[in-house]
C-alpha atoms as a PDB file:
ATOM      1  CA  MET A   1     131.109 115.208 103.092  1.00  0.00           C
ATOM      2  CA  ASP A   2     133.837 114.001 100.731  1.00  0.00           C
ATOM      3  CA  ASP A   3     135.020 111.696 103.543  1.00  0.00           C
ATOM      4  CA  GLU A   4     132.279 109.330 102.298  1.00  0.00           C
ATOM      5  CA  LEU A   5     134.032 109.113  98.949  1.00  0.00           C
ATOM      6  CA  LEU A   6     137.348 107.998 100.397  1.00  0.00           C
ATOM      7  CA  GLU A   7     137.869 104.340  99.688  1.00  0.00           C
ATOM      8  CA  GLU A   8     138.479 101.923 102.506  1.00  0.00           C
ATOM      9  CA  GLY A   9     142.136 101.593 103.378  1.00  0.00           C
ATOM     10  CA  SER A  10     143.028 104.925 101.799  1.00  0.00           C
ATOM     11  CA  ASN A  11     145.568 107.063 103.625  1.00  0.00           C
ATOM     12  CA  GLU A  12     144.482 110.266 101.941  1.00  0.00           C
ATOM     13  CA  ASP A  13     143.053 113.019 104.099  1.00  0.00           C
ATOM     14  CA  ALA A  14     139.981 114.946 103.130  1.00  0.00           C
ATOM     15  CA  SER A  15     140.942 118.230 101.571  1.00  0.00           C
ATOM     16  CA  ASP A  16     139.865 121.394 103.360  1.00  0.00           C
ATOM     17  CA  ASP A  17     139.526 123.216 100.044  1.00  0.00           C
ATOM     18  CA  PHE A  18     136.866 120.860  98.690  1.00  0.00           C
ATOM     19  CA  GLU A  19     135.766 121.770  95.216  1.00  0.00           C
ATOM     20  CA  GLY A  20     132.980 119.934  93.522  1.00  0.00           C
ATOM     21  CA  ILE A  21     129.406 120.040  92.386  1.00  0.00           C
ATOM     22  CA  PHE A  22     126.496 119.078  94.597  1.00  0.00           C
ATOM     23  CA  PHE A  23     122.846 118.971  93.573  1.00  0.00           C
ATOM     24  CA  GLU A  24     119.615 117.173  94.310  1.00  0.00           C
ATOM     25  CA  THR A  25     117.469 115.524  91.677  1.00  0.00           C
ATOM     26  CA  TYR A  26     114.745 112.943  91.416  1.00  0.00           C
ATOM     27  CA  GLU A  27     115.992 109.421  90.707  1.00  0.00           C
ATOM     28  CA  TYR A  28     113.826 109.231  87.582  1.00  0.00           C
ATOM     29  CA  GLU A  29     111.245 111.316  85.752  1.00  0.00           C
ATOM     30  CA  GLN A  30     107.762 110.812  87.179  1.00  0.00           C
ATOM     31  CA  ARG A  31     105.250 110.021  84.467  1.00  0.00           C
ATOM     32  CA  GLU A  32     101.538 110.510  84.769  1.00  0.00           C
ATOM     33  CA  ARG A  33      99.890 107.147  84.241  1.00  0.00           C
ATOM     34  CA  THR A  34      96.180 107.008  83.675  1.00  0.00           C
ATOM     35  CA  ALA A  35      93.909 104.127  84.590  1.00  0.00           C
ATOM     36  CA  ASP A  36      94.035 103.152  80.902  1.00  0.00           C
ATOM     37  CA  TRP A  37      97.790 102.549  81.171  1.00  0.00           C
ATOM     38  CA  TYR A  38      97.304 100.199  84.128  1.00  0.00           C
ATOM     39  CA  TRP A  39      94.444  98.399  82.339  1.00  0.00           C
ATOM     40  CA  THR A  40      96.593  97.981  79.223  1.00  0.00           C
ATOM     41  CA  VAL A  41      99.420  96.402  81.223  1.00  0.00           C
ATOM     42  CA  ALA A  42      96.940  94.116  82.996  1.00  0.00           C
ATOM     43  CA  ILE A  43      95.264  93.008  79.742  1.00  0.00           C
ATOM     44  CA  PHE A  44      98.595  92.287  78.029  1.00  0.00           C
ATOM     45  CA  THR A  45      99.752  90.363  81.088  1.00  0.00           C
ATOM     46  CA  LEU A  46      96.561  88.324  81.209  1.00  0.00           C
ATOM     47  CA  ALA A  47      96.757  87.582  77.471  1.00  0.00           C
ATOM     48  CA  ILE A  48     100.372  86.406  77.677  1.00  0.00           C
ATOM     49  CA  CYS A  49      99.602  84.272  80.754  1.00  0.00           C
ATOM     50  CA  VAL A  50      96.590  82.633  79.066  1.00  0.00           C
ATOM     51  CA  ILE A  51      98.570  81.906  75.880  1.00  0.00           C
ATOM     52  CA  SER A  52     101.455  80.429  77.831  1.00  0.00           C
ATOM     53  CA  LEU A  53      99.017  78.248  79.845  1.00  0.00           C
ATOM     54  CA  ILE A  54      97.377  77.041  76.608  1.00  0.00           C
ATOM     55  CA  TYR A  55     100.818  75.961  75.409  1.00  0.00           C
ATOM     56  CA  GLY A  56     101.451  74.269  78.759  1.00  0.00           C
ATOM     57  CA  ASN A  57     104.169  76.649  79.943  1.00  0.00           C
ATOM     58  CA  VAL A  58     103.065  77.287  83.525  1.00  0.00           C
ATOM     59  CA  LEU A  59     106.462  78.552  84.665  1.00  0.00           C
ATOM     60  CA  PHE A  60     106.489  81.292  82.006  1.00  0.00           C
ATOM     61  CA  ALA A  61     102.940  82.326  82.970  1.00  0.00           C
ATOM     62  CA  VAL A  62     104.000  82.657  86.618  1.00  0.00           C
ATOM     63  CA  LEU A  63     107.122  84.606  85.616  1.00  0.00           C
ATOM     64  CA  VAL A  64     105.097  87.026  83.469  1.00  0.00           C
ATOM     65  CA  PHE A  65     102.533  87.517  86.229  1.00  0.00           C
ATOM     66  CA  ILE A  66     105.183  88.241  88.893  1.00  0.00           C
ATOM     67  CA  SER A  67     107.041  90.579  86.509  1.00  0.00           C
ATOM     68  CA  ALA A  68     103.892  92.534  85.672  1.00  0.00           C
ATOM     69  CA  PHE A  69     102.924  92.780  89.332  1.00  0.00           C
ATOM     70  CA  THR A  70     106.392  94.129  90.171  1.00  0.00           C
ATOM     71  CA  LEU A  71     106.204  96.579  87.258  1.00  0.00           C
ATOM     72  CA  LEU A  72     102.871  97.927  88.487  1.00  0.00           C
ATOM     73  CA  LEU A  73     104.231  98.359  92.021  1.00  0.00           C
ATOM     74  CA  VAL A  74     107.306 100.243  90.807  1.00  0.00           C
ATOM     75  CA  ALA A  75     105.217 102.378  88.420  1.00  0.00           C
ATOM     76  CA  ALA A  76     102.970 103.492  91.275  1.00  0.00           C
ATOM     77  CA  ARG A  77     105.937 104.522  93.460  1.00  0.00           C
ATOM     78  CA  GLU A  78     106.926 108.177  93.680  1.00  0.00           C
ATOM     79  CA  PRO A  79     110.574 108.920  92.777  1.00  0.00           C
ATOM     80  CA  ARG A  80     112.881 109.783  95.663  1.00  0.00           C
ATOM     81  CA  LEU A  81     114.861 112.990  95.845  1.00  0.00           C
ATOM     82  CA  VAL A  82     118.520 111.906  95.745  1.00  0.00           C
ATOM     83  CA  GLU A  83     121.786 113.740  96.291  1.00  0.00           C
ATOM     84  CA  VAL A  84     124.396 113.762  93.531  1.00  0.00           C
ATOM     85  CA  GLU A  85     127.936 114.847  94.243  1.00  0.00           C
ATOM     86  CA  ILE A  86     130.689 115.247  91.661  1.00  0.00           C
ATOM     87  CA  THR A  87     134.101 115.517  93.306  1.00  0.00           C
ATOM     88  CA  PRO A  88     137.754 115.130  92.328  1.00  0.00           C
ATOM     89  CA  ARG A  89     137.509 111.483  93.481  1.00  0.00           C
ATOM     90  CA  GLY A  90     134.395 110.419  91.554  1.00  0.00           C
ATOM     91  CA  ILE A  91     130.646 110.729  91.239  1.00  0.00           C
ATOM     92  CA  ARG A  92     128.227 109.816  94.012  1.00  0.00           C
ATOM     93  CA  ASN A  93     124.626 109.212  93.014  1.00  0.00           C
ATOM     94  CA  HIS A  94     122.620 108.669  96.208  1.00  0.00           C
ATOM     95  CA  LEU A  95     124.320 105.622  97.781  1.00  0.00           C
ATOM     96  CA  THR A  96     126.377 104.527  94.778  1.00  0.00           C
ATOM     97  CA  ILE A  97     129.896 105.822  94.181  1.00  0.00           C
ATOM     98  CA  TYR A  98     131.470 105.744  90.715  1.00  0.00           C
ATOM     99  CA  PRO A  99     135.240 106.355  90.930  1.00  0.00           C
ATOM    100  CA  TYR A 100     136.714 107.903  87.780  1.00  0.00           C
ATOM    101  CA  ARG A 101     138.895 104.825  87.202  1.00  0.00           C
ATOM    102  CA  LEU A 102     135.685 102.846  86.504  1.00  0.00           C
ATOM    103  CA  ILE A 103     134.327 105.409  84.034  1.00  0.00           C
ATOM    104  CA  GLU A 104     135.618 105.572  80.465  1.00  0.00           C
ATOM    105  CA  SER A 105     133.865 108.754  79.335  1.00  0.00           C
ATOM    106  CA  PHE A 106     130.843 110.981  79.845  1.00  0.00           C
ATOM    107  CA  TRP A 107     128.266 112.941  77.886  1.00  0.00           C
ATOM    108  CA  VAL A 108     125.785 115.588  78.977  1.00  0.00           C
ATOM    109  CA  GLU A 109     122.610 115.028  76.982  1.00  0.00           C
ATOM    110  CA  GLU A 110     120.608 118.221  76.804  1.00  0.00           C
ATOM    111  CA  GLU A 111     116.956 117.944  75.876  1.00  0.00           C
ATOM    112  CA  THR A 112     114.154 120.452  76.136  1.00  0.00           C
ATOM    113  CA  HIS A 113     112.416 118.818  79.092  1.00  0.00           C
ATOM    114  CA  LYS A 114     115.345 117.122  80.853  1.00  0.00           C
ATOM    115  CA  ASN A 115     119.129 117.039  81.019  1.00  0.00           C
ATOM    116  CA  THR A 116     120.954 113.795  81.706  1.00  0.00           C
ATOM    117  CA  LEU A 117     124.547 112.945  82.539  1.00  0.00           C
ATOM    118  CA  LEU A 118     125.518 109.711  80.766  1.00  0.00           C
ATOM    119  CA  LEU A 119     128.524 107.806  82.080  1.00  0.00           C
ATOM    120  CA  LYS A 120     130.179 105.064  80.037  1.00  0.00           C
ATOM    121  CA  SER A 121     131.357 102.473  82.530  1.00  0.00           C
ATOM    122  CA  THR A 122     134.180  99.977  82.166  1.00  0.00           C
ATOM    123  CA  LYS A 123     131.830  97.361  83.621  1.00  0.00           C
ATOM    124  CA  ASN A 124     129.970  95.180  81.125  1.00  0.00           C
ATOM    125  CA  PHE A 125     126.740  94.822  83.090  1.00  0.00           C
ATOM    126  CA  THR A 126     126.187  98.543  83.706  1.00  0.00           C
ATOM    127  CA  HIS A 127     127.686  99.882  80.523  1.00  0.00           C
ATOM    128  CA  LEU A 128     125.761 103.185  80.368  1.00  0.00           C
ATOM    129  CA  ILE A 129     124.768 104.943  83.582  1.00  0.00           C
ATOM    130  CA  PRO A 130     122.200 107.756  83.264  1.00  0.00           C
ATOM    131  CA  ILE A 131     122.043 110.385  86.020  1.00  0.00           C
ATOM    132  CA  PRO A 132     119.311 113.052  85.768  1.00  0.00           C
ATOM    133  CA  LEU A 133     120.771 116.524  86.242  1.00  0.00           C
ATOM    134  CA  GLY A 134     117.616 118.117  87.583  1.00  0.00           C
ATOM    135  CA  GLU A 135     118.239 121.837  88.058  1.00  0.00           C
ATOM    136  CA  ALA A 136     122.049 121.559  87.791  1.00  0.00           C
ATOM    137  CA  ASP A 137     123.633 123.633  85.036  1.00  0.00           C
ATOM    138  CA  PRO A 138     124.754 121.206  82.290  1.00  0.00           C
ATOM    139  CA  ASP A 139     127.593 123.500  81.186  1.00  0.00           C
ATOM    140  CA  ILE A 140     129.104 123.606  84.684  1.00  0.00           C
ATOM    141  CA  VAL A 141     128.849 119.810  84.986  1.00  0.00           C
ATOM    142  CA  ARG A 142     130.458 119.351  81.550  1.00  0.00           C
ATOM    143  CA  ASP A 143     133.308 121.770  82.308  1.00  0.00           C
ATOM    144  CA  TYR A 144     134.012 120.177  85.676  1.00  0.00           C
ATOM    145  CA  LEU A 145     133.984 116.574  84.423  1.00  0.00           C
ATOM    146  CA  SER A 146     136.249 117.522  81.498  1.00  0.00           C
ATOM    147  CA  ASN A 147     139.051 117.848  84.056  1.00  0.00           C
ATOM    148  CA  PHE A 148     138.801 114.136  84.922  1.00  0.00           C
ATOM    149  CA  LEU A 149     137.176 112.285  82.011  1.00  0.00           C
ATOM    150  CA  THR A 150     137.035 112.422  78.240  1.00  0.00           C
ATOM    151  CA  GLU A 151     133.845 113.668  76.685  1.00  0.00           C
ATOM    152  CA  GLU A 152     132.391 111.237  74.156  1.00  0.00           C
ATOM    153  CA  GLU A 153     129.008 111.565  72.469  1.00  0.00           C
ATOM    154  CA  LEU A 154     126.779 108.925  74.040  1.00  0.00           C
ATOM    155  CA  HIS A 155     123.086 108.226  73.668  1.00  0.00           C
ATOM    156  CA  GLU A 156     120.605 106.086  75.509  1.00  0.00           C
ATOM    157  CA  SER A 157     119.723 102.904  73.656  1.00  0.00           C
ATOM    158  CA  ILE A 158     116.784 102.737  71.266  1.00  0.00           C
ATOM    159  CA  GLY A 159     115.148 100.212  73.594  1.00  0.00           C
ATOM    160  CA  GLN A 160     115.324 102.706  76.455  1.00  0.00           C
ATOM    161  CA  LYS A 161     113.803 105.439  74.283  1.00  0.00           C
ATOM    162  CA  ILE A 162     110.949 103.110  73.229  1.00  0.00           C
ATOM    163  CA  LEU A 163     110.240 102.188  76.850  1.00  0.00           C
ATOM    164  CA  GLU A 164     110.136 105.881  77.789  1.00  0.00           C
ATOM    165  CA  ARG A 165     107.622 106.559  74.988  1.00  0.00           C
ATOM    166  CA  LEU A 166     105.466 103.682  76.273  1.00  0.00           C
ATOM    167  CA  GLY A 167     105.430 105.239  79.722  1.00  0.00           C
ATOM    168  CA  PHE A 168     107.930 103.011  81.537  1.00  0.00           C
END
């Protein structure tokens, strides 16, 4: 399975004594959303669209409407069960591979209801990459990653925490 992690053009052979961590987890935490939540999003969307139309900004009204519609579609979708693999070559989260050379540091955030692996990327656009640990033991993940990356205390942004509290 670690053949998938070999980069194109690499001459390295897959090791027979593969050592790594493999687990399955949901891509995000499913939140129960009541009909009130959907009505609240719809009312806020309608209010913003009406205000923007009053001010003559039709393009913004259309953008808000399309964004809200997309948000409601994504919110109604069930999370997929994805495979996560941590190997000596990098971290694979479903179809995305993060080689260690593109990761500056990591942090395992342990909370009472969920554990999350946070990766600090060298890329500007995806600076902090959260990976839910599901049922994986956070201590084993931390010990294994310490062999390849530096551990640095990281936290999700305040904006992300606020969105989680609002049910997004």
